[in-house]
Amino acid sequence: MVDADMDEGDIIIVDRAVEPYNNCKAVCFIDGEYTVKRVVIGENGAVLMPCNAHNSHYKPIPVGPENDFLIWGVVTYIIKKA
């Protein structure tokens, strides 16, 4: 998540008590896999947005009723590797 100030080796602090909100960074469980994404919450549900704008390989992931989906926790802090 280069464009989200998260780099390889950084430590993220995730708070499971924080209610997910629009544009939050979160650890999400979708269809058997965990991922860290920016969550866009709209009237029609959620979309998991990649934060690697320079790499078009990563596409937004729309979340629908057919998905096994859970926002596991909201990223509250990023500890940078020295």
Protein backbone atom coordinates (compact mmCIF):
# COMPACT_ATOMS: atom_id res chain seq x y z
CA MET A 1 0.00 0.00 0.00
CA VAL A 2 2.64 2.42 -1.14
CA ASP A 3 0.20 5.30 -1.61
CA ALA A 4 -1.17 4.73 1.91
CA ASP A 5 2.21 5.31 3.59
CA MET A 6 2.60 1.59 4.31
CA ASP A 7 5.82 -0.05 3.19
CA GLU A 8 7.27 -3.56 3.44
CA GLY A 9 8.39 -4.18 7.02
CA ASP A 10 6.16 -1.54 8.62
CA ILE A 11 3.97 -2.52 11.56
CA ILE A 12 0.29 -1.60 11.55
CA ILE A 13 -1.81 -1.21 14.66
CA VAL A 14 -5.36 -2.43 14.10
CA ASP A 15 -8.24 -1.57 16.42
CA ARG A 16 -11.15 -3.99 16.22
CA ALA A 17 -13.30 -1.73 18.43
CA VAL A 18 -13.28 1.17 15.92
CA GLU A 19 -16.39 1.26 13.75
CA PRO A 20 -15.36 1.14 10.06
CA TYR A 21 -15.92 4.45 8.27
CA ASN A 22 -15.74 5.67 4.69
CA ASN A 23 -12.16 5.80 3.33
CA CYS A 24 -10.65 4.07 6.35
CA LYS A 25 -7.72 1.70 5.94
CA ALA A 26 -8.71 -1.69 7.26
CA VAL A 27 -7.77 -5.33 7.53
CA CYS A 28 -10.51 -7.11 5.61
CA PHE A 29 -11.41 -10.76 5.20
CA ILE A 30 -12.94 -11.54 1.82
CA ASP A 31 -13.62 -14.97 0.37
CA GLY A 32 -11.06 -16.79 2.49
CA GLU A 33 -8.22 -14.25 2.32
CA TYR A 34 -7.06 -11.33 4.45
CA THR A 35 -6.04 -8.05 2.81
CA VAL A 36 -5.35 -4.46 3.85
CA LYS A 37 -7.31 -1.99 1.74
CA ARG A 38 -8.92 1.42 1.82
CA VAL A 39 -12.66 0.83 2.31
CA VAL A 40 -15.11 3.03 0.43
CA ILE A 41 -18.59 2.69 1.90
CA GLY A 42 -21.49 3.83 -0.25
CA GLU A 43 -25.22 3.39 -0.54
CA ASN A 44 -24.75 0.23 -2.61
CA GLY A 45 -22.24 -1.42 -0.26
CA ALA A 46 -18.48 -1.36 0.03
CA VAL A 47 -15.60 -1.30 -2.43
CA LEU A 48 -12.08 -2.30 -1.41
CA MET A 49 -9.67 0.14 -3.04
CA PRO A 50 -6.00 -0.59 -3.73
CA CYS A 51 -3.53 2.04 -2.62
CA ASN A 52 -0.98 1.45 -5.36
CA ALA A 53 -2.14 4.02 -7.90
CA HIS A 54 1.09 3.68 -9.88
CA ASN A 55 0.39 -0.01 -10.50
CA SER A 56 -2.71 -0.65 -12.63
CA HIS A 57 -2.42 -4.40 -11.88
CA TYR A 58 -4.47 -3.87 -8.70
CA LYS A 59 -8.18 -3.25 -9.30
CA PRO A 60 -10.97 -2.16 -6.92
CA ILE A 61 -12.86 -5.07 -5.38
CA PRO A 62 -16.62 -4.53 -5.13
CA VAL A 63 -18.17 -6.34 -2.17
CA GLY A 64 -21.57 -7.92 -2.72
CA PRO A 65 -23.92 -10.30 -0.93
CA GLU A 66 -22.23 -13.26 -2.64
CA ASN A 67 -18.92 -12.49 -0.89
CA ASP A 68 -17.85 -13.86 2.48
CA PHE A 69 -16.76 -10.47 3.85
CA LEU A 70 -15.74 -9.00 7.18
CA ILE A 71 -13.92 -5.81 8.15
CA TRP A 72 -11.66 -7.37 10.78
CA GLY A 73 -10.34 -4.08 12.14
CA VAL A 74 -9.45 -0.48 11.29
CA VAL A 75 -5.81 0.58 10.91
CA THR A 76 -5.19 3.27 13.51
CA TYR A 77 -1.38 3.63 13.45
CA ILE A 78 1.52 2.77 11.15
CA ILE A 79 4.94 2.24 12.72
CA LYS A 80 7.65 2.83 10.15
CA LYS A 81 10.64 0.55 9.92
CA ALA A 82 13.85 2.44 10.71
